[in-house]
Amino acid sequence: MAKKATPALPDAEASIRAYKSVLSAVIEQRPSGTRQRLADALGKHRSFVTQITSPVYSTPIPAKHLQAIFSVCHFNQQERDAFLAPYRIAHPGKAPVDGEMRRTRHVSLVVPDLGDAKQNAALDRAINEFIHRITSIAGKGG
């Protein structure tokens, strides 16, 4: 028998919409291409970015993506605070506390064009997954 999903609490749903509204507003103020850069940084398709940035979708944003979102979208402290307040209500204990988030930096790579959009996307995802695994291992050691 299939296990039923527990419905989100109304406060959690409202909080998810609230933090997504903040993210959406921040992205709208950034240069064009920010959504694609975010998709690349997360190793996801642009449709995933649409789901996590639109208050219409109830898809929550995984905590593991927060630092990349803050970095790629260049959140200032006020925007970060406005985002994290409802995030913490929606996902108690999941958001890092102040000072706990690790700083990131952007690195650009030049890779060959494989001549196929699907293959290029797969290469981009593989590179991002590799970086996430390596930094995860490094984070555990220090």
N, C-alpha and C. Protein backbone atom coordinates (compact mmCIF):
# COMPACT_ATOMS: atom_id res chain seq x y z
N MET A 1 0.84 -1.18 0.00
CA MET A 1 0.00 0.00 0.00
C MET A 1 0.89 1.24 0.00
N ALA A 2 0.55 2.17 -0.86
CA ALA A 2 1.35 3.39 -0.98
C ALA A 2 1.15 4.29 0.24
N LYS A 3 2.24 4.88 0.67
CA LYS A 3 2.19 5.78 1.81
C LYS A 3 1.72 7.15 1.35
N LYS A 4 0.74 7.72 2.06
CA LYS A 4 0.22 9.03 1.70
C LYS A 4 1.17 10.11 2.18
N ALA A 5 1.33 11.12 1.34
CA ALA A 5 2.16 12.26 1.72
C ALA A 5 1.42 13.09 2.75
N THR A 6 2.15 13.58 3.73
CA THR A 6 1.55 14.43 4.74
C THR A 6 1.37 15.82 4.15
N PRO A 7 0.15 16.36 4.19
CA PRO A 7 -0.04 17.70 3.62
C PRO A 7 0.70 18.75 4.43
N ALA A 8 1.20 19.76 3.72
CA ALA A 8 1.93 20.84 4.38
C ALA A 8 0.96 21.65 5.23
N LEU A 9 1.44 22.13 6.34
CA LEU A 9 0.63 22.97 7.20
C LEU A 9 0.35 24.30 6.50
N PRO A 10 -0.82 24.90 6.76
CA PRO A 10 -1.13 26.19 6.11
C PRO A 10 -0.05 27.24 6.34
N ASP A 11 0.50 27.33 7.56
CA ASP A 11 1.56 28.30 7.83
C ASP A 11 2.79 28.01 6.99
N ALA A 12 3.10 26.74 6.82
CA ALA A 12 4.25 26.36 6.01
C ALA A 12 4.01 26.72 4.56
N GLU A 13 2.83 26.47 4.06
CA GLU A 13 2.52 26.81 2.67
C GLU A 13 2.60 28.32 2.44
N ALA A 14 2.07 29.09 3.35
CA ALA A 14 2.13 30.55 3.23
C ALA A 14 3.58 31.02 3.31
N SER A 15 4.37 30.38 4.15
CA SER A 15 5.78 30.75 4.28
C SER A 15 6.57 30.39 3.03
N ILE A 16 6.25 29.25 2.43
CA ILE A 16 6.90 28.88 1.17
C ILE A 16 6.60 29.92 0.11
N ARG A 17 5.33 30.32 0.00
CA ARG A 17 4.96 31.36 -0.97
C ARG A 17 5.70 32.67 -0.65
N ALA A 18 5.85 32.98 0.63
CA ALA A 18 6.50 34.23 1.03
C ALA A 18 7.98 34.23 0.63
N TYR A 19 8.72 33.15 0.93
CA TYR A 19 10.14 33.17 0.58
C TYR A 19 10.35 33.07 -0.92
N LYS A 20 9.45 32.39 -1.62
CA LYS A 20 9.54 32.34 -3.07
C LYS A 20 9.25 33.71 -3.68
N SER A 21 8.36 34.47 -3.07
CA SER A 21 8.06 35.82 -3.55
C SER A 21 9.29 36.71 -3.42
N VAL A 22 10.02 36.56 -2.31
CA VAL A 22 11.25 37.32 -2.12
C VAL A 22 12.26 36.94 -3.20
N LEU A 23 12.45 35.65 -3.41
CA LEU A 23 13.40 35.17 -4.42
C LEU A 23 13.01 35.67 -5.80
N SER A 24 11.75 35.57 -6.13
CA SER A 24 11.27 36.02 -7.44
C SER A 24 11.54 37.52 -7.64
N ALA A 25 11.28 38.31 -6.61
CA ALA A 25 11.51 39.76 -6.69
C ALA A 25 13.00 40.06 -6.86
N VAL A 26 13.85 39.33 -6.16
CA VAL A 26 15.29 39.53 -6.27
C VAL A 26 15.75 39.22 -7.70
N ILE A 27 15.30 38.10 -8.23
CA ILE A 27 15.71 37.70 -9.58
C ILE A 27 15.24 38.70 -10.62
N GLU A 28 14.05 39.24 -10.43
CA GLU A 28 13.53 40.22 -11.39
C GLU A 28 14.38 41.49 -11.42
N GLN A 29 15.09 41.78 -10.34
CA GLN A 29 15.94 42.97 -10.27
C GLN A 29 17.35 42.71 -10.80
N ARG A 30 17.65 41.47 -11.12
CA ARG A 30 18.99 41.11 -11.57
C ARG A 30 19.04 41.11 -13.11
N PRO A 31 20.24 41.10 -13.67
CA PRO A 31 20.38 41.10 -15.13
C PRO A 31 19.77 39.85 -15.77
N SER A 32 19.41 39.99 -17.04
CA SER A 32 18.88 38.82 -17.74
C SER A 32 19.94 37.73 -17.74
N GLY A 33 19.50 36.52 -17.73
CA GLY A 33 20.41 35.38 -17.68
C GLY A 33 20.63 34.85 -16.28
N THR A 34 20.09 35.54 -15.27
CA THR A 34 20.29 35.10 -13.89
C THR A 34 19.65 33.74 -13.66
N ARG A 35 18.45 33.53 -14.21
CA ARG A 35 17.78 32.23 -14.03
C ARG A 35 18.62 31.10 -14.62
N GLN A 36 19.20 31.33 -15.79
CA GLN A 36 20.02 30.30 -16.41
C GLN A 36 21.28 30.06 -15.61
N ARG A 37 21.90 31.13 -15.11
CA ARG A 37 23.09 30.96 -14.27
C ARG A 37 22.76 30.19 -13.00
N LEU A 38 21.57 30.44 -12.46
CA LEU A 38 21.15 29.72 -11.27
C LEU A 38 20.93 28.24 -11.59
N ALA A 39 20.28 27.96 -12.71
CA ALA A 39 20.08 26.57 -13.12
C ALA A 39 21.43 25.87 -13.28
N ASP A 40 22.38 26.54 -13.91
CA ASP A 40 23.71 25.96 -14.11
C ASP A 40 24.40 25.70 -12.77
N ALA A 41 24.31 26.66 -11.85
CA ALA A 41 24.95 26.51 -10.54
C ALA A 41 24.35 25.37 -9.73
N LEU A 42 23.04 25.16 -9.90
CA LEU A 42 22.37 24.09 -9.16
C LEU A 42 22.47 22.74 -9.87
N GLY A 43 22.94 22.77 -11.11
CA GLY A 43 23.01 21.53 -11.89
C GLY A 43 21.63 21.02 -12.26
N LYS A 44 20.72 21.95 -12.48
CA LYS A 44 19.32 21.61 -12.77
C LYS A 44 18.89 22.26 -14.08
N HIS A 45 17.71 21.85 -14.55
CA HIS A 45 17.11 22.48 -15.72
C HIS A 45 16.47 23.80 -15.32
N ARG A 46 16.26 24.64 -16.30
CA ARG A 46 15.62 25.93 -16.03
C ARG A 46 14.21 25.76 -15.48
N SER A 47 13.54 24.67 -15.85
CA SER A 47 12.18 24.43 -15.34
C SER A 47 12.20 24.25 -13.82
N PHE A 48 13.27 23.68 -13.28
CA PHE A 48 13.40 23.54 -11.83
C PHE A 48 13.50 24.92 -11.19
N VAL A 49 14.26 25.81 -11.81
CA VAL A 49 14.39 27.17 -11.29
C VAL A 49 13.03 27.87 -11.31
N THR A 50 12.26 27.64 -12.36
CA THR A 50 10.91 28.22 -12.42
C THR A 50 10.07 27.71 -11.26
N GLN A 51 10.15 26.42 -10.97
CA GLN A 51 9.36 25.84 -9.88
C GLN A 51 9.78 26.38 -8.51
N ILE A 52 11.06 26.58 -8.31
CA ILE A 52 11.50 27.04 -6.99
C ILE A 52 11.41 28.55 -6.83
N THR A 53 11.22 29.28 -7.93
CA THR A 53 11.12 30.73 -7.81
C THR A 53 9.70 31.25 -7.92
N SER A 54 8.77 30.41 -8.33
CA SER A 54 7.40 30.87 -8.50
C SER A 54 6.55 30.51 -7.28
N PRO A 55 5.92 31.50 -6.65
CA PRO A 55 5.05 31.24 -5.51
C PRO A 55 3.84 30.38 -5.86
N VAL A 56 3.54 30.25 -7.15
CA VAL A 56 2.41 29.44 -7.60
C VAL A 56 2.66 27.96 -7.33
N TYR A 57 3.92 27.54 -7.44
CA TYR A 57 4.29 26.14 -7.22
C TYR A 57 4.61 25.92 -5.74
N SER A 58 4.14 24.80 -5.20
CA SER A 58 4.39 24.52 -3.79
C SER A 58 5.73 23.81 -3.56
N THR A 59 6.51 23.63 -4.62
CA THR A 59 7.80 22.96 -4.51
C THR A 59 8.72 23.74 -3.57
N PRO A 60 9.12 23.13 -2.45
CA PRO A 60 10.01 23.84 -1.52
C PRO A 60 11.43 23.91 -2.09
N ILE A 61 12.20 24.82 -1.60
CA ILE A 61 13.60 24.95 -2.00
C ILE A 61 14.46 24.17 -1.01
N PRO A 62 15.20 23.17 -1.49
CA PRO A 62 16.06 22.42 -0.58
C PRO A 62 17.12 23.32 0.05
N ALA A 63 17.38 23.12 1.32
CA ALA A 63 18.36 23.92 2.05
C ALA A 63 19.74 23.85 1.41
N LYS A 64 20.07 22.72 0.80
CA LYS A 64 21.39 22.58 0.19
C LYS A 64 21.60 23.56 -0.97
N HIS A 65 20.52 24.13 -1.51
CA HIS A 65 20.64 25.08 -2.62
C HIS A 65 20.71 26.54 -2.18
N LEU A 66 20.52 26.81 -0.90
CA LEU A 66 20.43 28.19 -0.45
C LEU A 66 21.69 29.00 -0.74
N GLN A 67 22.85 28.46 -0.42
CA GLN A 67 24.08 29.23 -0.61
C GLN A 67 24.28 29.56 -2.08
N ALA A 68 24.02 28.61 -2.96
CA ALA A 68 24.17 28.88 -4.40
C ALA A 68 23.19 29.96 -4.84
N ILE A 69 21.97 29.90 -4.34
CA ILE A 69 20.96 30.91 -4.68
C ILE A 69 21.42 32.29 -4.22
N PHE A 70 21.87 32.39 -2.97
CA PHE A 70 22.31 33.67 -2.43
C PHE A 70 23.50 34.21 -3.21
N SER A 71 24.39 33.34 -3.60
CA SER A 71 25.60 33.74 -4.30
C SER A 71 25.30 34.17 -5.74
N VAL A 72 24.63 33.32 -6.50
CA VAL A 72 24.34 33.61 -7.90
C VAL A 72 23.45 34.84 -8.05
N CYS A 73 22.47 34.96 -7.17
CA CYS A 73 21.51 36.07 -7.25
C CYS A 73 22.00 37.32 -6.52
N HIS A 74 23.16 37.25 -5.91
CA HIS A 74 23.77 38.39 -5.20
C HIS A 74 22.81 39.02 -4.19
N PHE A 75 22.27 38.18 -3.30
CA PHE A 75 21.39 38.68 -2.24
C PHE A 75 22.19 39.60 -1.33
N ASN A 76 21.62 40.75 -1.01
CA ASN A 76 22.24 41.57 0.03
C ASN A 76 21.70 41.08 1.38
N GLN A 77 22.20 41.62 2.47
CA GLN A 77 21.80 41.13 3.79
C GLN A 77 20.30 41.29 4.04
N GLN A 78 19.74 42.42 3.63
CA GLN A 78 18.31 42.67 3.83
C GLN A 78 17.47 41.64 3.06
N GLU A 79 17.85 41.36 1.81
CA GLU A 79 17.13 40.36 1.01
C GLU A 79 17.28 38.97 1.62
N ARG A 80 18.46 38.67 2.09
CA ARG A 80 18.70 37.36 2.72
C ARG A 80 17.84 37.20 3.97
N ASP A 81 17.78 38.24 4.79
CA ASP A 81 16.96 38.19 6.01
C ASP A 81 15.47 38.04 5.66
N ALA A 82 15.02 38.78 4.64
CA ALA A 82 13.61 38.71 4.22
C ALA A 82 13.27 37.33 3.68
N PHE A 83 14.24 36.67 3.07
CA PHE A 83 14.04 35.31 2.55
C PHE A 83 14.06 34.29 3.68
N LEU A 84 15.06 34.39 4.55
CA LEU A 84 15.26 33.37 5.58
C LEU A 84 14.19 33.37 6.67
N ALA A 85 13.58 34.51 6.95
CA ALA A 85 12.54 34.54 8.00
C ALA A 85 11.39 33.58 7.65
N PRO A 86 10.77 33.68 6.48
CA PRO A 86 9.71 32.72 6.16
C PRO A 86 10.26 31.31 5.87
N TYR A 87 11.50 31.21 5.38
CA TYR A 87 12.08 29.89 5.12
C TYR A 87 12.17 29.10 6.42
N ARG A 88 12.59 29.76 7.47
CA ARG A 88 12.73 29.09 8.77
C ARG A 88 11.37 28.66 9.33
N ILE A 89 10.32 29.40 9.04
CA ILE A 89 8.97 29.01 9.47
C ILE A 89 8.51 27.79 8.67
N ALA A 90 8.76 27.82 7.37
CA ALA A 90 8.33 26.72 6.50
C ALA A 90 9.12 25.44 6.75
N HIS A 91 10.39 25.58 7.09
CA HIS A 91 11.28 24.42 7.24
C HIS A 91 12.09 24.55 8.53
N PRO A 92 11.45 24.36 9.68
CA PRO A 92 12.15 24.52 10.96
C PRO A 92 13.40 23.63 11.03
N GLY A 93 14.50 24.24 11.42
CA GLY A 93 15.74 23.48 11.60
C GLY A 93 16.50 23.19 10.33
N LYS A 94 15.99 23.59 9.19
CA LYS A 94 16.67 23.28 7.92
C LYS A 94 17.59 24.40 7.45
N ALA A 95 17.21 25.64 7.73
CA ALA A 95 18.02 26.78 7.26
C ALA A 95 19.21 26.96 8.19
N PRO A 96 20.37 27.25 7.61
CA PRO A 96 21.54 27.51 8.44
C PRO A 96 21.35 28.79 9.24
N VAL A 97 21.91 28.81 10.42
CA VAL A 97 21.83 30.02 11.24
C VAL A 97 22.88 31.01 10.74
N ASP A 98 22.71 32.27 11.10
CA ASP A 98 23.65 33.30 10.66
C ASP A 98 25.08 32.91 10.98
N GLY A 99 25.95 33.15 10.03
CA GLY A 99 27.36 32.82 10.21
C GLY A 99 27.70 31.38 9.89
N GLU A 100 26.69 30.54 9.71
CA GLU A 100 26.93 29.12 9.43
C GLU A 100 27.07 28.87 7.93
N MET A 101 26.57 29.77 7.10
CA MET A 101 26.63 29.58 5.66
C MET A 101 28.05 29.81 5.16
N ARG A 102 28.47 28.93 4.35
CA ARG A 102 29.82 29.00 3.80
C ARG A 102 29.84 29.95 2.61
N ARG A 103 30.83 30.79 2.56
CA ARG A 103 30.98 31.69 1.43
C ARG A 103 31.35 30.89 0.19
N THR A 104 30.91 31.37 -0.94
CA THR A 104 31.24 30.70 -2.20
C THR A 104 31.87 31.71 -3.14
N ARG A 105 32.43 31.19 -4.19
CA ARG A 105 32.95 32.04 -5.24
C ARG A 105 32.60 31.40 -6.57
N HIS A 106 32.56 32.21 -7.58
CA HIS A 106 32.18 31.74 -8.91
C HIS A 106 33.43 31.39 -9.69
N VAL A 107 33.40 30.24 -10.35
CA VAL A 107 34.50 29.80 -11.19
C VAL A 107 33.92 29.53 -12.58
N SER A 108 34.57 30.03 -13.59
CA SER A 108 34.12 29.78 -14.97
C SER A 108 35.04 28.77 -15.62
N LEU A 109 34.46 27.90 -16.40
CA LEU A 109 35.22 26.90 -17.13
C LEU A 109 34.91 27.04 -18.61
N VAL A 110 35.88 26.77 -19.43
CA VAL A 110 35.66 26.70 -20.86
C VAL A 110 35.69 25.23 -21.22
N VAL A 111 34.57 24.75 -21.74
CA VAL A 111 34.45 23.34 -22.11
C VAL A 111 34.05 23.25 -23.58
N PRO A 112 34.29 22.12 -24.19
CA PRO A 112 33.92 22.00 -25.61
C PRO A 112 32.41 21.96 -25.78
N ASP A 113 31.94 22.49 -26.89
CA ASP A 113 30.54 22.37 -27.27
C ASP A 113 30.40 21.00 -27.92
N LEU A 114 29.56 20.17 -27.36
CA LEU A 114 29.42 18.80 -27.85
C LEU A 114 28.50 18.69 -29.06
N GLY A 115 27.95 19.82 -29.48
CA GLY A 115 27.12 19.81 -30.69
C GLY A 115 25.70 19.35 -30.48
N ASP A 116 25.33 19.12 -29.21
CA ASP A 116 23.98 18.65 -28.91
C ASP A 116 23.57 19.25 -27.56
N ALA A 117 22.41 19.89 -27.54
CA ALA A 117 21.96 20.57 -26.32
C ALA A 117 21.84 19.61 -25.14
N LYS A 118 21.34 18.40 -25.37
CA LYS A 118 21.18 17.43 -24.28
C LYS A 118 22.53 16.98 -23.75
N GLN A 119 23.48 16.76 -24.64
CA GLN A 119 24.82 16.35 -24.21
C GLN A 119 25.51 17.49 -23.46
N ASN A 120 25.36 18.72 -23.96
CA ASN A 120 25.94 19.86 -23.26
C ASN A 120 25.35 20.00 -21.86
N ALA A 121 24.03 19.85 -21.74
CA ALA A 121 23.38 19.95 -20.43
C ALA A 121 23.86 18.84 -19.50
N ALA A 122 24.03 17.64 -20.04
CA ALA A 122 24.51 16.51 -19.24
C ALA A 122 25.94 16.78 -18.75
N LEU A 123 26.78 17.34 -19.61
CA LEU A 123 28.14 17.69 -19.20
C LEU A 123 28.11 18.74 -18.10
N ASP A 124 27.28 19.77 -18.25
CA ASP A 124 27.16 20.81 -17.24
C ASP A 124 26.72 20.23 -15.89
N ARG A 125 25.72 19.34 -15.93
CA ARG A 125 25.25 18.71 -14.69
C ARG A 125 26.35 17.87 -14.06
N ALA A 126 27.08 17.13 -14.88
CA ALA A 126 28.15 16.28 -14.35
C ALA A 126 29.23 17.12 -13.67
N ILE A 127 29.59 18.23 -14.28
CA ILE A 127 30.60 19.11 -13.68
C ILE A 127 30.10 19.67 -12.35
N ASN A 128 28.85 20.14 -12.33
CA ASN A 128 28.29 20.69 -11.09
C ASN A 128 28.18 19.63 -10.01
N GLU A 129 27.75 18.43 -10.37
CA GLU A 129 27.65 17.35 -9.39
C GLU A 129 29.03 17.01 -8.83
N PHE A 130 30.03 16.99 -9.69
CA PHE A 130 31.40 16.71 -9.25
C PHE A 130 31.86 17.76 -8.24
N ILE A 131 31.63 19.02 -8.56
CA ILE A 131 32.03 20.11 -7.66
C ILE A 131 31.31 19.98 -6.32
N HIS A 132 30.00 19.69 -6.35
CA HIS A 132 29.25 19.55 -5.10
C HIS A 132 29.78 18.39 -4.26
N ARG A 133 30.13 17.26 -4.92
CA ARG A 133 30.66 16.12 -4.18
C ARG A 133 32.01 16.47 -3.55
N ILE A 134 32.88 17.08 -4.31
CA ILE A 134 34.21 17.42 -3.82
C ILE A 134 34.11 18.41 -2.66
N THR A 135 33.28 19.45 -2.80
CA THR A 135 33.17 20.43 -1.72
C THR A 135 32.47 19.84 -0.50
N SER A 136 31.60 18.88 -0.72
CA SER A 136 30.96 18.20 0.40
C SER A 136 31.99 17.41 1.20
N ILE A 137 32.86 16.73 0.49
CA ILE A 137 33.91 15.95 1.15
C ILE A 137 34.86 16.90 1.90
N ALA A 138 35.23 17.99 1.26
CA ALA A 138 36.14 18.96 1.88
C ALA A 138 35.50 19.58 3.11
N GLY A 139 34.19 19.83 3.05
CA GLY A 139 33.48 20.42 4.18
C GLY A 139 33.44 19.51 5.38
N LYS A 140 33.42 18.20 5.16
CA LYS A 140 33.37 17.23 6.26
C LYS A 140 34.73 17.13 6.97
N GLY A 141 35.77 17.42 6.22
CA GLY A 141 37.11 17.30 6.80
C GLY A 141 37.54 18.52 7.59
N GLY A 142 36.94 19.66 7.33
CA GLY A 142 37.43 20.85 7.99
C GLY A 142 36.32 21.60 8.56
